[in-house]
Amino acid sequence: MLIDRRTLLLAIPSLAGLAAVPLHAEGDPGIHVVKDPGCPCCNSWIGHLRDNGFSVSFEERSIGDLAAFKRERGISDALASCHTATTADYTLEGHVPAADIRRLLSERPDAVGLAVPGMPYGSPGMGPESERDAYDVILIRRDGTTEVFTSYPAA
C-alpha cells in the first residue's frame, strides 16, 4: 500500500499527538491519588508515576477527610504519609516507587497494600534519588501485620 504525500502530511499532527501520550502497560488498572491541596511533593509523586507509565487521577481533600480516608483504607498513624492512593484493590500510602507498585500488581499478595511511612528524602517525589536517605517500603497484610517489601539503602 502506498501513501501519497498529502495523506502523510495530514497524518503528522495526529502522530505527533500520539507521541506525547505516555504508553500504559497492558491491564494497567490506573492509580487514584487522594491528597492535601497544598502538597507539592504529592504532585511530584504523581509525575513519577506518570513518567513510569501509570495512568493517574487525583482528588484533593481536607486534612481531616484525608485522615479519615487513610483509616478507612487500613492505614495506621504509624504508616501514614502525605497522600493515599488506590490501585486495583490495593492501597498505596506515601512515596511508593513505581517499581514496587508493579511488583505488587504482579505478585498479588493478600494485603491491604504498600506504605512508605513519613516522607523519606530521595523517595519518588521527595528530592533526588542520588541523595536519598535509606527507607523501606512496607507491605501491610490484611490481618494488620507488616513486613518489609523492599529496602532502599542510602545513596
N, C-alpha and C. Protein backbone atom coordinates (compact mmCIF):
# COMPACT_ATOMS: atom_id res chain seq x y z
N MET A 1 0.85 -1.17 0.00
CA MET A 1 0.00 0.00 0.00
C MET A 1 0.89 1.24 0.00
N LEU A 2 0.65 2.15 -0.89
CA LEU A 2 1.41 3.39 -0.98
C LEU A 2 0.61 4.52 -0.35
N ILE A 3 1.31 5.38 0.38
CA ILE A 3 0.67 6.54 0.98
C ILE A 3 1.16 7.76 0.22
N ASP A 4 0.22 8.57 -0.27
CA ASP A 4 0.66 9.75 -1.00
C ASP A 4 1.13 10.82 -0.02
N ARG A 5 1.85 11.77 -0.56
CA ARG A 5 2.46 12.83 0.23
C ARG A 5 1.44 13.63 1.04
N ARG A 6 0.30 13.94 0.43
CA ARG A 6 -0.73 14.73 1.11
C ARG A 6 -1.28 13.99 2.34
N THR A 7 -1.56 12.69 2.19
CA THR A 7 -2.06 11.88 3.31
C THR A 7 -1.04 11.85 4.44
N LEU A 8 0.22 11.69 4.08
CA LEU A 8 1.28 11.66 5.08
C LEU A 8 1.36 12.99 5.83
N LEU A 9 1.32 14.10 5.10
CA LEU A 9 1.39 15.42 5.73
C LEU A 9 0.20 15.68 6.66
N LEU A 10 -0.98 15.20 6.26
CA LEU A 10 -2.16 15.37 7.10
C LEU A 10 -2.10 14.49 8.35
N ALA A 11 -1.39 13.39 8.28
CA ALA A 11 -1.32 12.47 9.41
C ALA A 11 -0.29 12.89 10.46
N ILE A 12 0.67 13.72 10.11
CA ILE A 12 1.75 14.08 11.03
C ILE A 12 1.24 14.69 12.33
N PRO A 13 0.30 15.66 12.32
CA PRO A 13 -0.17 16.20 13.61
C PRO A 13 -0.78 15.13 14.51
N SER A 14 -1.50 14.19 13.94
CA SER A 14 -2.10 13.12 14.75
C SER A 14 -1.03 12.22 15.35
N LEU A 15 -0.02 11.90 14.54
CA LEU A 15 1.07 11.06 15.04
C LEU A 15 1.85 11.78 16.13
N ALA A 16 2.06 13.08 15.96
CA ALA A 16 2.78 13.85 16.98
C ALA A 16 2.00 13.86 18.29
N GLY A 17 0.68 13.95 18.22
CA GLY A 17 -0.15 13.91 19.42
C GLY A 17 -0.04 12.58 20.13
N LEU A 18 0.04 11.49 19.38
CA LEU A 18 0.19 10.17 19.99
C LEU A 18 1.52 10.04 20.70
N ALA A 19 2.56 10.64 20.15
CA ALA A 19 3.88 10.56 20.76
C ALA A 19 3.92 11.22 22.12
N ALA A 20 3.05 12.20 22.36
CA ALA A 20 3.03 12.91 23.64
C ALA A 20 2.27 12.15 24.72
N VAL A 21 1.53 11.11 24.33
CA VAL A 21 0.74 10.34 25.29
C VAL A 21 1.60 9.22 25.85
N PRO A 22 1.75 9.09 27.18
CA PRO A 22 2.57 8.01 27.72
C PRO A 22 1.95 6.66 27.42
N LEU A 23 2.81 5.69 27.20
CA LEU A 23 2.34 4.34 26.98
C LEU A 23 1.99 3.71 28.32
N HIS A 24 0.87 3.02 28.38
CA HIS A 24 0.44 2.37 29.60
C HIS A 24 0.57 0.87 29.45
N ALA A 25 0.97 0.23 30.51
CA ALA A 25 1.09 -1.22 30.49
C ALA A 25 -0.26 -1.85 30.25
N GLU A 26 -0.25 -2.95 29.52
CA GLU A 26 -1.50 -3.66 29.28
C GLU A 26 -2.10 -4.07 30.62
N GLY A 27 -3.37 -3.79 30.81
CA GLY A 27 -4.02 -4.15 32.05
C GLY A 27 -3.75 -3.16 33.18
N ASP A 28 -3.14 -2.01 32.89
CA ASP A 28 -2.87 -1.01 33.92
C ASP A 28 -4.19 -0.58 34.55
N PRO A 29 -4.37 -0.87 35.85
CA PRO A 29 -5.65 -0.52 36.48
C PRO A 29 -5.76 0.97 36.79
N GLY A 30 -4.69 1.71 36.60
CA GLY A 30 -4.71 3.13 36.94
C GLY A 30 -4.53 3.32 38.44
N ILE A 31 -4.13 4.50 38.82
CA ILE A 31 -3.91 4.83 40.23
C ILE A 31 -4.68 6.11 40.51
N HIS A 32 -5.46 6.09 41.59
CA HIS A 32 -6.21 7.27 42.02
C HIS A 32 -5.60 7.77 43.32
N VAL A 33 -5.15 9.02 43.33
CA VAL A 33 -4.46 9.62 44.47
C VAL A 33 -5.39 10.57 45.19
N VAL A 34 -5.42 10.46 46.51
CA VAL A 34 -6.16 11.40 47.36
C VAL A 34 -5.11 12.16 48.15
N LYS A 35 -5.14 13.50 48.03
CA LYS A 35 -4.07 14.31 48.60
C LYS A 35 -4.59 15.62 49.19
N ASP A 36 -3.74 16.24 49.96
CA ASP A 36 -3.96 17.56 50.53
C ASP A 36 -3.76 18.59 49.40
N PRO A 37 -4.61 19.60 49.31
CA PRO A 37 -4.47 20.58 48.23
C PRO A 37 -3.13 21.33 48.22
N GLY A 38 -2.49 21.47 49.36
CA GLY A 38 -1.28 22.29 49.42
C GLY A 38 0.01 21.52 49.39
N CYS A 39 0.03 20.32 48.87
CA CYS A 39 1.22 19.47 48.97
C CYS A 39 1.94 19.32 47.63
N PRO A 40 3.08 20.01 47.44
CA PRO A 40 3.79 19.90 46.17
C PRO A 40 4.48 18.54 45.96
N CYS A 41 4.88 17.87 47.03
CA CYS A 41 5.56 16.58 46.84
C CYS A 41 4.58 15.51 46.33
N CYS A 42 3.31 15.65 46.66
CA CYS A 42 2.29 14.71 46.13
C CYS A 42 2.23 14.84 44.61
N ASN A 43 2.29 16.08 44.12
CA ASN A 43 2.27 16.30 42.68
C ASN A 43 3.51 15.72 42.03
N SER A 44 4.65 15.81 42.71
CA SER A 44 5.89 15.23 42.17
C SER A 44 5.79 13.71 42.11
N TRP A 45 5.16 13.09 43.11
CA TRP A 45 4.98 11.63 43.09
C TRP A 45 4.04 11.23 41.94
N ILE A 46 2.99 12.00 41.73
CA ILE A 46 2.10 11.74 40.61
C ILE A 46 2.89 11.80 39.29
N GLY A 47 3.78 12.78 39.17
CA GLY A 47 4.64 12.88 38.00
C GLY A 47 5.53 11.65 37.84
N HIS A 48 6.07 11.14 38.95
CA HIS A 48 6.89 9.92 38.92
C HIS A 48 6.08 8.75 38.38
N LEU A 49 4.85 8.62 38.84
CA LEU A 49 4.01 7.51 38.37
C LEU A 49 3.72 7.65 36.88
N ARG A 50 3.36 8.84 36.46
CA ARG A 50 3.07 9.07 35.03
C ARG A 50 4.31 8.82 34.17
N ASP A 51 5.47 9.28 34.66
CA ASP A 51 6.73 9.05 33.93
C ASP A 51 7.03 7.56 33.79
N ASN A 52 6.47 6.77 34.70
CA ASN A 52 6.69 5.32 34.67
C ASN A 52 5.52 4.56 34.06
N GLY A 53 4.68 5.26 33.30
CA GLY A 53 3.65 4.62 32.50
C GLY A 53 2.31 4.37 33.15
N PHE A 54 2.11 4.84 34.37
CA PHE A 54 0.80 4.65 35.01
C PHE A 54 -0.15 5.77 34.62
N SER A 55 -1.41 5.43 34.46
CA SER A 55 -2.43 6.46 34.31
C SER A 55 -2.85 6.85 35.72
N VAL A 56 -2.90 8.15 35.97
CA VAL A 56 -3.14 8.64 37.33
C VAL A 56 -4.23 9.70 37.33
N SER A 57 -5.16 9.56 38.27
CA SER A 57 -6.15 10.59 38.54
C SER A 57 -5.94 11.00 40.00
N PHE A 58 -6.48 12.15 40.36
CA PHE A 58 -6.33 12.57 41.77
C PHE A 58 -7.50 13.44 42.18
N GLU A 59 -7.64 13.54 43.49
CA GLU A 59 -8.61 14.45 44.08
C GLU A 59 -7.98 15.04 45.33
N GLU A 60 -8.43 16.22 45.68
CA GLU A 60 -7.92 16.90 46.86
C GLU A 60 -8.99 16.89 47.94
N ARG A 61 -8.55 16.60 49.16
CA ARG A 61 -9.45 16.60 50.32
C ARG A 61 -8.80 17.37 51.45
N SER A 62 -9.63 17.80 52.38
CA SER A 62 -9.10 18.47 53.57
C SER A 62 -8.25 17.48 54.36
N ILE A 63 -7.43 17.99 55.23
CA ILE A 63 -6.57 17.13 56.04
C ILE A 63 -7.40 16.15 56.87
N GLY A 64 -8.51 16.62 57.44
CA GLY A 64 -9.39 15.74 58.22
C GLY A 64 -10.01 14.64 57.39
N ASP A 65 -10.49 15.00 56.20
CA ASP A 65 -11.09 13.99 55.32
C ASP A 65 -10.04 13.00 54.81
N LEU A 66 -8.84 13.50 54.56
CA LEU A 66 -7.76 12.62 54.12
C LEU A 66 -7.39 11.63 55.22
N ALA A 67 -7.33 12.08 56.46
CA ALA A 67 -7.02 11.19 57.59
C ALA A 67 -8.10 10.11 57.73
N ALA A 68 -9.35 10.48 57.56
CA ALA A 68 -10.44 9.50 57.63
C ALA A 68 -10.33 8.48 56.50
N PHE A 69 -9.97 8.94 55.30
CA PHE A 69 -9.79 8.05 54.16
C PHE A 69 -8.68 7.04 54.43
N LYS A 70 -7.58 7.50 55.01
CA LYS A 70 -6.47 6.61 55.35
C LYS A 70 -6.96 5.49 56.29
N ARG A 71 -7.69 5.87 57.33
CA ARG A 71 -8.20 4.88 58.29
C ARG A 71 -9.14 3.88 57.60
N GLU A 72 -10.02 4.39 56.74
CA GLU A 72 -10.94 3.52 56.01
C GLU A 72 -10.19 2.50 55.15
N ARG A 73 -9.04 2.89 54.64
CA ARG A 73 -8.25 2.03 53.76
C ARG A 73 -7.25 1.16 54.52
N GLY A 74 -7.27 1.22 55.87
CA GLY A 74 -6.40 0.35 56.66
C GLY A 74 -5.01 0.87 56.93
N ILE A 75 -4.83 2.18 56.83
CA ILE A 75 -3.52 2.80 57.07
C ILE A 75 -3.48 3.35 58.50
N SER A 76 -2.60 2.81 59.31
CA SER A 76 -2.46 3.27 60.70
C SER A 76 -1.66 4.57 60.72
N ASP A 77 -1.73 5.27 61.85
CA ASP A 77 -0.96 6.51 62.00
C ASP A 77 0.54 6.24 61.86
N ALA A 78 1.00 5.08 62.31
CA ALA A 78 2.43 4.75 62.25
C ALA A 78 2.92 4.58 60.80
N LEU A 79 2.01 4.27 59.89
CA LEU A 79 2.40 4.05 58.49
C LEU A 79 2.06 5.24 57.59
N ALA A 80 1.47 6.28 58.15
CA ALA A 80 0.95 7.38 57.36
C ALA A 80 2.04 8.23 56.71
N SER A 81 1.64 8.85 55.62
CA SER A 81 2.46 9.81 54.89
C SER A 81 1.54 10.93 54.43
N CYS A 82 1.92 11.63 53.37
CA CYS A 82 1.15 12.81 52.97
C CYS A 82 0.01 12.54 51.99
N HIS A 83 0.01 11.40 51.32
CA HIS A 83 -1.07 11.11 50.38
C HIS A 83 -1.38 9.62 50.41
N THR A 84 -2.56 9.27 49.94
CA THR A 84 -3.02 7.88 49.90
C THR A 84 -3.59 7.63 48.52
N ALA A 85 -3.24 6.49 47.94
CA ALA A 85 -3.71 6.17 46.60
C ALA A 85 -4.30 4.77 46.58
N THR A 86 -5.09 4.51 45.55
CA THR A 86 -5.64 3.18 45.37
C THR A 86 -5.35 2.73 43.95
N THR A 87 -5.13 1.42 43.81
CA THR A 87 -4.98 0.80 42.51
C THR A 87 -5.44 -0.64 42.63
N ALA A 88 -6.21 -1.09 41.66
CA ALA A 88 -6.82 -2.42 41.75
C ALA A 88 -7.53 -2.46 43.11
N ASP A 89 -7.23 -3.45 43.95
CA ASP A 89 -7.86 -3.49 45.28
C ASP A 89 -6.84 -3.18 46.38
N TYR A 90 -5.78 -2.46 46.04
CA TYR A 90 -4.72 -2.14 46.98
C TYR A 90 -4.70 -0.65 47.33
N THR A 91 -4.11 -0.37 48.50
CA THR A 91 -3.87 1.00 48.94
C THR A 91 -2.37 1.25 48.90
N LEU A 92 -2.00 2.44 48.46
CA LEU A 92 -0.61 2.88 48.41
C LEU A 92 -0.49 4.12 49.28
N GLU A 93 0.33 4.05 50.29
CA GLU A 93 0.48 5.16 51.22
C GLU A 93 1.86 5.78 51.06
N GLY A 94 1.89 7.06 50.72
CA GLY A 94 3.15 7.77 50.63
C GLY A 94 3.88 7.56 49.32
N HIS A 95 5.18 7.78 49.37
CA HIS A 95 6.02 7.87 48.18
C HIS A 95 6.54 6.50 47.73
N VAL A 96 5.62 5.61 47.40
CA VAL A 96 5.95 4.25 46.97
C VAL A 96 6.52 4.31 45.54
N PRO A 97 7.69 3.74 45.30
CA PRO A 97 8.26 3.73 43.95
C PRO A 97 7.41 2.92 42.96
N ALA A 98 7.40 3.37 41.72
CA ALA A 98 6.63 2.70 40.67
C ALA A 98 7.01 1.23 40.53
N ALA A 99 8.29 0.91 40.67
CA ALA A 99 8.73 -0.49 40.54
C ALA A 99 8.08 -1.38 41.58
N ASP A 100 7.89 -0.87 42.79
CA ASP A 100 7.24 -1.66 43.84
C ASP A 100 5.75 -1.82 43.58
N ILE A 101 5.13 -0.81 42.99
CA ILE A 101 3.71 -0.92 42.63
C ILE A 101 3.55 -2.00 41.56
N ARG A 102 4.42 -1.99 40.58
CA ARG A 102 4.36 -3.02 39.53
C ARG A 102 4.55 -4.42 40.12
N ARG A 103 5.49 -4.54 41.05
CA ARG A 103 5.72 -5.85 41.70
C ARG A 103 4.49 -6.27 42.48
N LEU A 104 3.89 -5.35 43.23
CA LEU A 104 2.67 -5.64 43.99
C LEU A 104 1.58 -6.16 43.06
N LEU A 105 1.38 -5.47 41.94
CA LEU A 105 0.33 -5.85 40.99
C LEU A 105 0.64 -7.17 40.29
N SER A 106 1.92 -7.48 40.17
CA SER A 106 2.32 -8.75 39.54
C SER A 106 2.18 -9.93 40.50
N GLU A 107 2.64 -9.75 41.73
CA GLU A 107 2.63 -10.84 42.72
C GLU A 107 1.26 -11.04 43.37
N ARG A 108 0.48 -9.97 43.47
CA ARG A 108 -0.88 -10.00 44.03
C ARG A 108 -0.96 -10.66 45.41
N PRO A 109 -0.17 -10.20 46.39
CA PRO A 109 -0.28 -10.77 47.73
C PRO A 109 -1.61 -10.42 48.38
N ASP A 110 -2.01 -11.23 49.38
CA ASP A 110 -3.22 -10.94 50.14
C ASP A 110 -2.87 -9.84 51.13
N ALA A 111 -3.07 -8.60 50.71
CA ALA A 111 -2.59 -7.47 51.50
C ALA A 111 -3.48 -6.26 51.30
N VAL A 112 -3.39 -5.34 52.27
CA VAL A 112 -4.03 -4.03 52.14
C VAL A 112 -3.29 -3.24 51.07
N GLY A 113 -1.96 -3.29 51.11
CA GLY A 113 -1.16 -2.56 50.13
C GLY A 113 0.23 -2.27 50.63
N LEU A 114 0.80 -1.17 50.13
CA LEU A 114 2.17 -0.78 50.44
C LEU A 114 2.20 0.61 51.07
N ALA A 115 3.20 0.83 51.92
CA ALA A 115 3.37 2.14 52.54
C ALA A 115 4.84 2.50 52.62
N VAL A 116 5.11 3.78 52.42
CA VAL A 116 6.40 4.37 52.73
C VAL A 116 6.09 5.42 53.79
N PRO A 117 6.22 5.04 55.08
CA PRO A 117 5.87 5.96 56.16
C PRO A 117 6.70 7.24 56.14
N GLY A 118 6.10 8.32 56.57
CA GLY A 118 6.79 9.59 56.59
C GLY A 118 7.02 10.09 55.18
N MET A 119 8.07 10.82 55.01
CA MET A 119 8.39 11.39 53.70
C MET A 119 9.90 11.33 53.51
N PRO A 120 10.48 10.12 53.32
CA PRO A 120 11.94 10.00 53.26
C PRO A 120 12.53 10.77 52.08
N TYR A 121 13.58 11.50 52.37
CA TYR A 121 14.27 12.26 51.34
C TYR A 121 14.84 11.32 50.29
N GLY A 122 14.59 11.63 49.03
CA GLY A 122 15.10 10.83 47.93
C GLY A 122 14.15 9.75 47.45
N SER A 123 13.03 9.54 48.19
CA SER A 123 12.00 8.65 47.66
C SER A 123 11.30 9.40 46.52
N PRO A 124 10.59 8.71 45.63
CA PRO A 124 9.99 9.39 44.49
C PRO A 124 9.12 10.59 44.90
N GLY A 125 9.47 11.74 44.37
CA GLY A 125 8.75 12.96 44.69
C GLY A 125 9.34 13.75 45.84
N MET A 126 10.40 13.20 46.46
CA MET A 126 10.98 13.83 47.65
C MET A 126 12.45 14.19 47.47
N GLY A 127 12.83 14.62 46.31
CA GLY A 127 14.22 15.01 46.09
C GLY A 127 14.96 13.97 45.27
N PRO A 128 16.21 14.29 44.95
CA PRO A 128 16.96 13.41 44.05
C PRO A 128 17.30 12.05 44.68
N GLU A 129 17.11 11.01 43.90
CA GLU A 129 17.43 9.65 44.35
C GLU A 129 18.92 9.52 44.65
N SER A 130 19.74 10.30 43.96
CA SER A 130 21.19 10.24 44.15
C SER A 130 21.61 10.71 45.55
N GLU A 131 20.70 11.36 46.27
CA GLU A 131 20.99 11.85 47.63
C GLU A 131 20.04 11.23 48.66
N ARG A 132 19.43 10.11 48.32
CA ARG A 132 18.35 9.57 49.14
C ARG A 132 18.83 9.06 50.49
N ASP A 133 17.93 9.19 51.47
CA ASP A 133 18.09 8.54 52.77
C ASP A 133 17.62 7.10 52.61
N ALA A 134 18.08 6.22 53.48
CA ALA A 134 17.61 4.84 53.46
C ALA A 134 16.13 4.82 53.88
N TYR A 135 15.36 3.95 53.24
CA TYR A 135 13.96 3.78 53.64
C TYR A 135 13.46 2.42 53.20
N ASP A 136 12.37 2.00 53.82
CA ASP A 136 11.73 0.72 53.48
C ASP A 136 10.34 0.97 52.91
N VAL A 137 9.97 0.10 52.00
CA VAL A 137 8.58 0.02 51.53
C VAL A 137 7.96 -1.12 52.32
N ILE A 138 6.86 -0.85 53.00
CA ILE A 138 6.24 -1.81 53.91
C ILE A 138 5.01 -2.44 53.26
N LEU A 139 4.93 -3.76 53.33
CA LEU A 139 3.74 -4.48 52.90
C LEU A 139 2.81 -4.58 54.10
N ILE A 140 1.57 -4.16 53.94
CA ILE A 140 0.57 -4.21 55.01
C ILE A 140 -0.35 -5.39 54.71
N ARG A 141 -0.28 -6.40 55.54
CA ARG A 141 -1.13 -7.59 55.36
C ARG A 141 -2.55 -7.27 55.83
N ARG A 142 -3.50 -8.05 55.37
CA ARG A 142 -4.91 -7.83 55.74
C ARG A 142 -5.17 -8.04 57.23
N ASP A 143 -4.33 -8.86 57.88
CA ASP A 143 -4.51 -9.08 59.32
C ASP A 143 -3.85 -7.97 60.16
N GLY A 144 -3.30 -6.95 59.48
CA GLY A 144 -2.69 -5.83 60.19
C GLY A 144 -1.19 -5.97 60.41
N THR A 145 -0.64 -7.15 60.17
CA THR A 145 0.80 -7.30 60.32
C THR A 145 1.50 -6.63 59.14
N THR A 146 2.77 -6.34 59.34
CA THR A 146 3.56 -5.69 58.29
C THR A 146 4.88 -6.42 58.10
N GLU A 147 5.46 -6.23 56.94
CA GLU A 147 6.80 -6.76 56.68
C GLU A 147 7.45 -5.86 55.63
N VAL A 148 8.76 -5.90 55.59
CA VAL A 148 9.48 -5.10 54.60
C VAL A 148 9.29 -5.74 53.23
N PHE A 149 8.83 -4.98 52.29
CA PHE A 149 8.61 -5.41 50.90
C PHE A 149 9.88 -5.16 50.08
N THR A 150 10.46 -3.95 50.25
CA THR A 150 11.70 -3.57 49.59
C THR A 150 12.44 -2.61 50.49
N SER A 151 13.76 -2.74 50.53
CA SER A 151 14.61 -1.79 51.25
C SER A 151 15.44 -1.00 50.26
N TYR A 152 15.50 0.29 50.48
CA TYR A 152 16.32 1.17 49.65
C TYR A 152 17.43 1.73 50.53
N PRO A 153 18.68 1.42 50.22
CA PRO A 153 19.78 1.95 51.03
C PRO A 153 20.01 3.43 50.74
N ALA A 154 20.70 4.08 51.65
CA ALA A 154 21.06 5.48 51.42
C ALA A 154 21.99 5.56 50.20
N ALA A 155 21.87 6.63 49.47
CA ALA A 155 22.69 6.80 48.26
C ALA A 155 24.10 7.21 48.63
